Protein backbone atom coordinates (compact mmCIF):
# COMPACT_ATOMS: atom_id res chain seq x y z
CA MET A 1 0.00 0.00 0.00
CA ARG A 2 1.25 3.47 -0.83
CA LEU A 3 -0.02 6.49 1.09
CA TYR A 4 0.45 10.08 -0.08
CA GLY A 5 -0.34 13.20 1.92
CA ASN A 6 0.86 15.34 4.81
CA GLY A 7 1.37 14.79 8.51
CA THR A 8 1.89 16.68 11.74
CA SER A 9 3.57 15.53 14.92
CA MET A 10 2.09 15.88 18.43
CA GLY A 11 4.53 15.56 21.33
CA TRP A 12 4.01 14.59 24.97
CA HIS A 13 3.09 18.05 26.20
CA SER A 14 0.48 18.95 23.58
CA ALA A 15 -3.17 18.99 24.61
CA GLU A 16 -4.09 17.05 21.48
CA PHE A 17 -1.64 14.25 22.42
CA GLU A 18 -3.19 13.91 25.86
CA GLY A 19 -6.71 13.98 24.40
CA LEU A 20 -5.95 11.19 21.92
CA ILE A 21 -4.23 9.03 24.54
CA SER A 22 -7.25 9.49 26.80
CA GLN A 23 -9.70 8.72 23.98
CA TYR A 24 -7.97 5.62 22.60
CA TYR A 25 -6.02 4.23 25.57
CA GLY A 26 -7.98 5.38 28.61
CA GLY A 27 -5.27 7.83 29.68
CA THR A 28 -2.45 5.27 29.93
CA THR A 29 0.30 6.00 27.42
CA PRO A 30 1.50 2.77 25.74
CA PHE A 31 5.14 1.70 26.29
CA GLY A 32 7.60 3.55 24.08
CA THR A 33 5.21 6.25 22.87
CA ARG A 34 7.10 9.46 22.16
CA GLN A 35 4.74 11.23 19.80
CA ILE A 36 1.58 10.78 17.74
CA MET A 37 1.53 11.41 14.02
CA LYS A 38 -1.67 12.83 12.56
CA LEU A 39 -1.84 12.02 8.85
CA ARG A 40 -4.04 13.48 6.14
CA PHE A 41 -4.04 11.32 3.02
CA ASP A 42 -4.61 12.73 -0.44
CA LEU A 43 -4.13 9.46 -2.28
CA VAL A 44 -4.12 5.78 -1.37
CA GLN A 45 -2.83 3.17 -3.81
CA THR A 46 -2.82 -0.57 -3.42
CA SER A 47 -0.52 -3.11 -5.00
CA CYS A 48 -1.12 -6.69 -6.09
CA GLY A 49 0.82 -8.17 -3.16
CA TYR A 50 2.45 -10.85 -5.33
CA GLY A 51 5.91 -10.04 -3.94
CA VAL A 52 4.91 -10.05 -0.25
CA PRO A 53 6.31 -13.06 1.67
CA LEU A 54 4.27 -15.14 4.11
CA PHE A 55 5.16 -14.93 7.81
CA ASP A 56 3.97 -16.85 10.86
CA TYR A 57 3.01 -14.94 14.00
CA LYS A 58 5.15 -16.22 16.89
CA GLY A 59 4.16 -13.72 19.59
CA GLU A 60 4.94 -10.23 20.84
CA ARG A 61 8.50 -9.05 21.37
CA THR A 62 9.50 -7.77 24.81
CA ALA A 63 12.18 -5.34 23.56
CA ILE A 64 9.98 -2.20 23.85
CA GLU A 65 8.92 -3.09 27.40
CA ASN A 66 12.54 -3.69 28.40
CA TRP A 67 13.66 -0.43 26.77
CA HIS A 68 10.80 1.49 28.42
CA GLY A 69 11.57 0.01 31.84
CA ASN A 70 15.26 0.91 31.60
CA LYS A 71 14.58 4.52 30.50
CA GLY A 72 11.72 5.29 32.87
CA PRO A 73 9.18 8.07 32.21
CA ASP A 74 11.70 10.90 32.61
CA GLY A 75 14.18 9.26 30.24
CA ILE A 76 11.56 8.81 27.56
CA GLN A 77 10.36 12.40 27.71
């Protein structure tokens, strides 16, 4: 899929960031979140997918949780 358009970034201290986190995550910021990108698409194109390999889902990785725990809230901000 190809997406064309423009985006804006919302950081931790913006009111819009806090509003979206509250709306979609109940006020708890997910591990590793540093900003939210708001995208406005002008054009969406699809492709045939013939060249896309098949993958098996094995489970979630713990790397982001480990990274988040080592940094702590102050380190992430």
